[in-house]
């Protein structure tokens, strides 16, 4: 016959079992609270790190912007001291001003209201026109700038910039061309006897502002040329075919509809 276990032993067993369960529950609760606390601590630390990184990034961006602004201000201050400065209040620098009706276009070049205006009323075929600065002068090393704006014209079909180091003031004997178009693309070419040779092929520049004024610059030192749009260096090239020559403003048109190009604030400093 089976013997019944004493009641006291059952109570003791049940009591110990409850203690074990409670202990385990307490342990699990402690672990859960610990994990939750660790997660919260980690999340807080991560948020603090993200905040610190964001603050650091914002500070770095602000610093770069401040440096860029300071550089732009310094450059503009330097440019106000260039030897030749022309705000186009008059035609004291003898730019080409004329009515044009030839095989390429019909229109006019005029200085009006402080702006050098190229008003092309009819395009007969694709053309490149230029207007010399101090025709007959030669420049080797120099810094030059001009503000320009395509007042009317389809994007990509109107370009402007500089012709520089023109050989003996004859386009056909050689010249460098820096041309920036109103779709934010630019190029640098060498031209001689009706042939174009690419020095820097078409490139996009985010520095260019369509439908607004843009400052175009060239720094020429020996065979090294630096090209700048709105204070940002967009390209540097080396070419030694021409060491000196004339300098001119350039307009290039590839469309049939009338276009208008404005120039203002020309500056040149021989070096």
Protein backbone atom coordinates (compact mmCIF):
# COMPACT_ATOMS: atom_id res chain seq x y z
CA UNK A 1 0.00 0.00 0.00
CA UNK A 2 1.33 3.42 -0.94
CA UNK A 3 2.17 5.77 1.83
CA UNK A 4 0.81 9.31 1.81
CA UNK A 5 3.38 12.06 2.09
CA UNK A 6 3.13 14.13 5.21
CA UNK A 7 1.12 17.34 4.74
CA UNK A 8 3.96 19.39 6.18
CA UNK A 9 6.33 18.20 3.45
CA UNK A 10 3.85 19.14 0.66
CA UNK A 11 3.44 22.59 2.12
CA UNK A 12 7.19 22.95 2.35
CA UNK A 13 7.59 21.84 -1.28
CA UNK A 14 4.91 24.23 -2.51
CA UNK A 15 6.39 27.05 -0.51
CA UNK A 16 9.85 26.43 -1.95
CA UNK A 17 8.35 26.22 -5.45
CA UNK A 18 6.70 29.60 -5.04
CA UNK A 19 9.96 31.10 -3.87
CA UNK A 20 11.73 29.66 -6.90
CA UNK A 21 9.11 30.99 -9.31
CA UNK A 22 9.13 34.40 -7.65
CA UNK A 23 12.90 34.49 -7.76
CA UNK A 24 12.92 33.60 -11.44
CA UNK A 25 10.27 36.21 -12.19
CA UNK A 26 12.26 38.78 -10.29
CA UNK A 27 15.40 37.83 -12.13
CA UNK A 28 13.65 38.06 -15.49
CA UNK A 29 12.12 41.38 -14.54
CA UNK A 30 15.54 42.67 -13.53
CA UNK A 31 17.01 41.50 -16.85
CA UNK A 32 14.20 43.11 -18.82
CA UNK A 33 14.59 46.37 -16.92
CA UNK A 34 18.34 46.17 -17.47
CA UNK A 35 17.94 45.60 -21.21
CA UNK A 36 15.41 48.40 -21.44
CA UNK A 37 17.69 50.70 -19.53
CA UNK A 38 20.63 49.75 -21.74
CA UNK A 39 18.52 50.35 -24.85
CA UNK A 40 17.39 53.74 -23.56
CA UNK A 41 20.96 54.62 -22.60
CA UNK A 42 22.22 53.50 -26.02
CA UNK A 43 19.48 55.42 -27.82
CA UNK A 44 20.19 58.52 -25.76
CA UNK A 45 23.90 58.18 -26.45
CA UNK A 46 23.18 57.68 -30.16
CA UNK A 47 20.92 60.73 -30.21
CA UNK A 48 23.60 62.74 -28.44
CA UNK A 49 26.15 61.48 -30.99
CA UNK A 50 23.83 62.34 -33.89
CA UNK A 51 23.21 65.76 -32.37
CA UNK A 52 26.94 66.27 -31.88
CA UNK A 53 27.65 65.16 -35.45
CA UNK A 54 24.89 67.41 -36.79
CA UNK A 55 26.27 70.32 -34.80
CA UNK A 56 29.78 69.56 -36.01
CA UNK A 57 28.59 69.29 -39.63
CA UNK A 58 26.59 72.49 -39.36
CA UNK A 59 29.62 74.24 -37.89
CA UNK A 60 31.86 72.91 -40.68
CA UNK A 61 29.36 74.02 -43.35
CA UNK A 62 29.00 77.43 -41.72
CA UNK A 63 32.78 77.72 -41.54
CA UNK A 64 33.16 76.85 -45.24
CA UNK A 65 30.43 79.31 -46.16
CA UNK A 66 32.08 82.02 -44.09
CA UNK A 67 35.46 81.26 -45.68
CA UNK A 68 33.87 81.27 -49.14
CA UNK A 69 32.18 84.59 -48.42
CA UNK A 70 35.40 86.06 -47.07
CA UNK A 71 37.28 84.85 -50.16
CA UNK A 72 34.64 86.33 -52.46
CA UNK A 73 34.75 89.66 -50.60
CA UNK A 74 38.55 89.70 -50.75
CA UNK A 75 38.47 88.90 -54.47
CA UNK A 76 35.93 91.63 -55.18
CA UNK A 77 37.99 94.07 -53.12
CA UNK A 78 41.07 93.16 -55.15
CA UNK A 79 39.17 93.49 -58.41
CA UNK A 80 38.09 97.04 -57.58
CA UNK A 81 41.81 97.91 -57.73
CA UNK A 82 42.43 96.50 -61.22
CA UNK A 83 44.20 98.77 -63.68
CA UNK A 84 41.30 98.77 -66.13
CA UNK A 85 37.74 98.90 -64.82
CA UNK A 86 34.75 99.60 -67.01
CA UNK A 87 31.20 99.81 -65.60
CA UNK A 88 29.99 100.68 -69.10
CA UNK A 89 28.71 104.10 -68.09
CA UNK A 90 30.16 105.34 -71.38
CA UNK A 91 32.40 104.03 -74.15
CA UNK A 92 35.71 105.34 -72.88
CA UNK A 93 37.34 101.93 -73.64
CA UNK A 94 36.33 102.01 -77.31
CA UNK A 95 34.27 98.84 -77.46
CA UNK A 96 32.62 98.04 -80.78
CA UNK A 97 29.29 99.86 -80.99
CA UNK A 98 27.54 99.58 -84.31
CA UNK A 99 24.56 98.49 -86.32
CA UNK A 100 25.19 95.11 -87.90
CA UNK A 101 23.55 93.59 -90.97
CA UNK A 102 25.80 91.00 -92.55
CA UNK A 103 25.75 87.35 -93.59
CA UNK A 104 25.52 86.21 -89.96
CA UNK A 105 23.11 88.50 -88.17
CA UNK A 106 21.12 91.68 -88.05
CA UNK A 107 21.22 93.69 -84.86
CA UNK A 108 23.19 96.19 -82.82
CA UNK A 109 25.96 96.57 -80.26
CA UNK A 110 25.43 99.55 -77.95
CA UNK A 111 26.27 100.86 -74.49
CA UNK A 112 23.01 101.82 -72.87
CA UNK A 113 22.13 102.54 -69.24
CA UNK A 114 25.42 101.21 -67.85
CA UNK A 115 25.20 97.95 -69.83
CA UNK A 116 26.94 96.79 -72.99
CA UNK A 117 23.97 95.41 -74.95
CA UNK A 118 24.20 92.93 -77.82
CA UNK A 119 20.74 92.93 -79.41
CA UNK A 120 20.56 90.26 -82.11
CA UNK A 121 17.28 90.71 -83.93
CA UNK A 122 17.84 88.19 -86.70
CA UNK A 123 20.17 85.20 -86.87
CA UNK A 124 21.06 84.26 -90.43
CA UNK A 125 23.45 81.46 -89.47
CA UNK A 126 25.37 80.22 -86.43
CA UNK A 127 28.04 82.74 -85.57
CA UNK A 128 30.74 83.87 -83.16
CA UNK A 129 31.24 87.61 -82.68
CA UNK A 130 33.75 89.41 -80.51
CA UNK A 131 34.57 92.93 -79.43
CA UNK A 132 38.20 93.78 -78.67
CA UNK A 133 39.37 95.53 -75.54
CA UNK A 134 41.89 98.22 -76.56
CA UNK A 135 42.33 96.85 -80.03
CA UNK A 136 46.03 96.79 -80.81
CA UNK A 137 47.11 95.95 -77.26
CA UNK A 138 48.69 92.65 -76.30
CA UNK A 139 48.38 90.88 -72.97
CA UNK A 140 50.45 87.93 -71.73
CA UNK A 141 49.81 87.34 -68.02
CA UNK A 142 46.58 88.85 -66.73
CA UNK A 143 43.44 88.52 -64.63
CA UNK A 144 40.19 89.51 -66.33
CA UNK A 145 36.52 89.41 -65.38
CA UNK A 146 33.16 90.51 -66.68
CA UNK A 147 29.55 90.17 -65.52
CA UNK A 148 27.27 88.79 -68.21
CA UNK A 149 23.65 87.78 -68.60
CA UNK A 150 21.62 86.23 -71.41
CA UNK A 151 18.54 88.42 -71.22
CA UNK A 152 16.68 86.40 -73.86
CA UNK A 153 17.47 83.18 -75.67
CA UNK A 154 16.77 79.46 -75.47
CA UNK A 155 18.95 77.49 -72.99
CA UNK A 156 22.06 76.06 -74.61
CA UNK A 157 21.79 78.17 -77.74
CA UNK A 158 23.44 81.35 -76.47
CA UNK A 159 26.98 81.52 -75.08
CA UNK A 160 29.35 84.30 -74.08
CA UNK A 161 32.79 84.74 -72.57
CA UNK A 162 36.25 85.70 -73.77
CA UNK A 163 38.57 85.39 -76.73
CA UNK A 164 42.13 85.82 -75.44
CA UNK A 165 45.72 85.84 -76.64
CA UNK A 166 44.50 86.42 -80.18
CA UNK A 167 47.55 86.10 -82.43
CA UNK A 168 48.37 89.45 -84.06
CA UNK A 169 44.70 90.38 -83.52
CA UNK A 170 43.78 88.04 -86.32
CA UNK A 171 41.31 85.37 -85.29
CA UNK A 172 42.43 83.09 -88.12
CA UNK A 173 46.03 83.04 -86.89
CA UNK A 174 45.07 81.58 -83.54
CA UNK A 175 43.10 82.36 -80.40
CA UNK A 176 41.89 80.77 -77.17
CA UNK A 177 38.16 80.77 -76.42
CA UNK A 178 36.41 80.45 -73.05
CA UNK A 179 32.67 80.23 -73.71
CA UNK A 180 29.88 79.73 -71.14
CA UNK A 181 26.38 78.89 -72.34
CA UNK A 182 23.03 79.66 -70.74
CA UNK A 183 22.39 75.98 -69.93
CA UNK A 184 25.33 75.97 -67.43
CA UNK A 185 27.79 74.25 -69.79
CA UNK A 186 31.14 75.72 -70.81
CA UNK A 187 34.18 74.81 -72.91
CA UNK A 188 37.73 75.96 -73.65
CA UNK A 189 38.94 75.70 -77.25
CA UNK A 190 41.79 76.73 -79.48
CA UNK A 191 40.85 78.18 -82.88
CA UNK A 192 43.02 78.64 -85.95
CA UNK A 193 42.21 78.85 -89.65
CA UNK A 194 38.62 77.69 -89.37
CA UNK A 195 39.55 74.71 -87.18
CA UNK A 196 38.49 74.20 -83.57
CA UNK A 197 40.59 72.10 -81.21
CA UNK A 198 39.17 71.11 -77.84
CA UNK A 199 41.26 71.96 -74.78
CA UNK A 200 38.51 71.38 -72.20
CA UNK A 201 35.41 69.69 -73.57
CA UNK A 202 31.86 70.64 -72.63
CA UNK A 203 31.44 70.59 -68.86
CA UNK A 204 28.53 71.39 -66.58
CA UNK A 205 29.01 73.92 -63.79
CA UNK A 206 26.59 74.25 -60.88
CA UNK A 207 28.21 77.62 -60.15
CA UNK A 208 26.46 79.13 -63.17
CA UNK A 209 23.10 80.85 -62.55
CA UNK A 210 20.72 80.67 -65.55
CA UNK A 211 18.55 83.75 -66.07
CA UNK A 212 20.81 85.82 -63.81
CA UNK A 213 24.09 87.72 -63.83
CA UNK A 214 27.25 85.62 -63.78
CA UNK A 215 30.82 86.73 -63.22
CA UNK A 216 33.23 85.05 -65.63
CA UNK A 217 36.98 85.19 -64.97
CA UNK A 218 40.27 84.06 -66.43
CA UNK A 219 43.67 84.01 -64.71
CA UNK A 220 46.48 83.61 -67.27
CA UNK A 221 50.03 82.82 -66.15
CA UNK A 222 52.40 81.66 -68.85
CA UNK A 223 50.95 78.49 -70.34
CA UNK A 224 48.59 77.93 -67.40
CA UNK A 225 44.99 79.20 -67.43
CA UNK A 226 42.40 79.14 -64.63
CA UNK A 227 38.71 79.60 -65.42
CA UNK A 228 36.28 80.85 -62.79
CA UNK A 229 32.49 81.23 -62.69
CA UNK A 230 30.95 83.23 -59.85
CA UNK A 231 34.05 82.83 -57.71
CA UNK A 232 34.34 79.06 -58.23
CA UNK A 233 37.25 77.57 -60.15
CA UNK A 234 35.65 75.36 -62.80
CA UNK A 235 38.76 74.30 -64.75
CA UNK A 236 42.50 74.72 -65.15
CA UNK A 237 44.39 73.91 -68.35
CA UNK A 238 47.88 74.16 -69.77
CA UNK A 239 48.62 75.12 -73.39
CA UNK A 240 51.68 76.89 -74.78
CA UNK A 241 50.69 77.70 -78.37
CA UNK A 242 50.15 81.42 -77.71
CA UNK A 243 52.12 83.41 -75.14
CA UNK A 244 50.56 86.83 -75.74
CA UNK A 245 47.83 88.50 -77.77
CA UNK A 246 44.63 90.46 -77.83
CA UNK A 247 41.62 90.19 -75.53
CA UNK A 248 37.94 90.41 -76.48
CA UNK A 249 34.43 89.76 -75.24
CA UNK A 250 32.73 86.91 -77.05
CA UNK A 251 29.15 86.13 -78.08
CA UNK A 252 28.16 82.82 -79.68
CA UNK A 253 24.65 82.16 -81.04
CA UNK A 254 23.23 78.90 -82.38
CA UNK A 255 19.49 79.57 -82.73
CA UNK A 256 17.15 81.31 -85.13
CA UNK A 257 15.14 83.38 -82.65
CA UNK A 258 16.25 86.87 -81.54
CA UNK A 259 18.57 86.99 -78.52
CA UNK A 260 19.89 89.67 -76.18
CA UNK A 261 23.15 89.49 -74.23
CA UNK A 262 24.25 91.98 -71.58
CA UNK A 263 27.75 92.74 -70.28
CA UNK A 264 28.65 94.83 -67.24
CA UNK A 265 31.55 95.50 -64.85
CA UNK A 266 34.57 94.58 -66.95
CA UNK A 267 37.94 94.50 -65.20
CA UNK A 268 41.47 93.70 -66.36
CA UNK A 269 44.74 93.54 -64.43
CA UNK A 270 47.94 92.77 -66.40
CA UNK A 271 50.37 90.68 -64.32
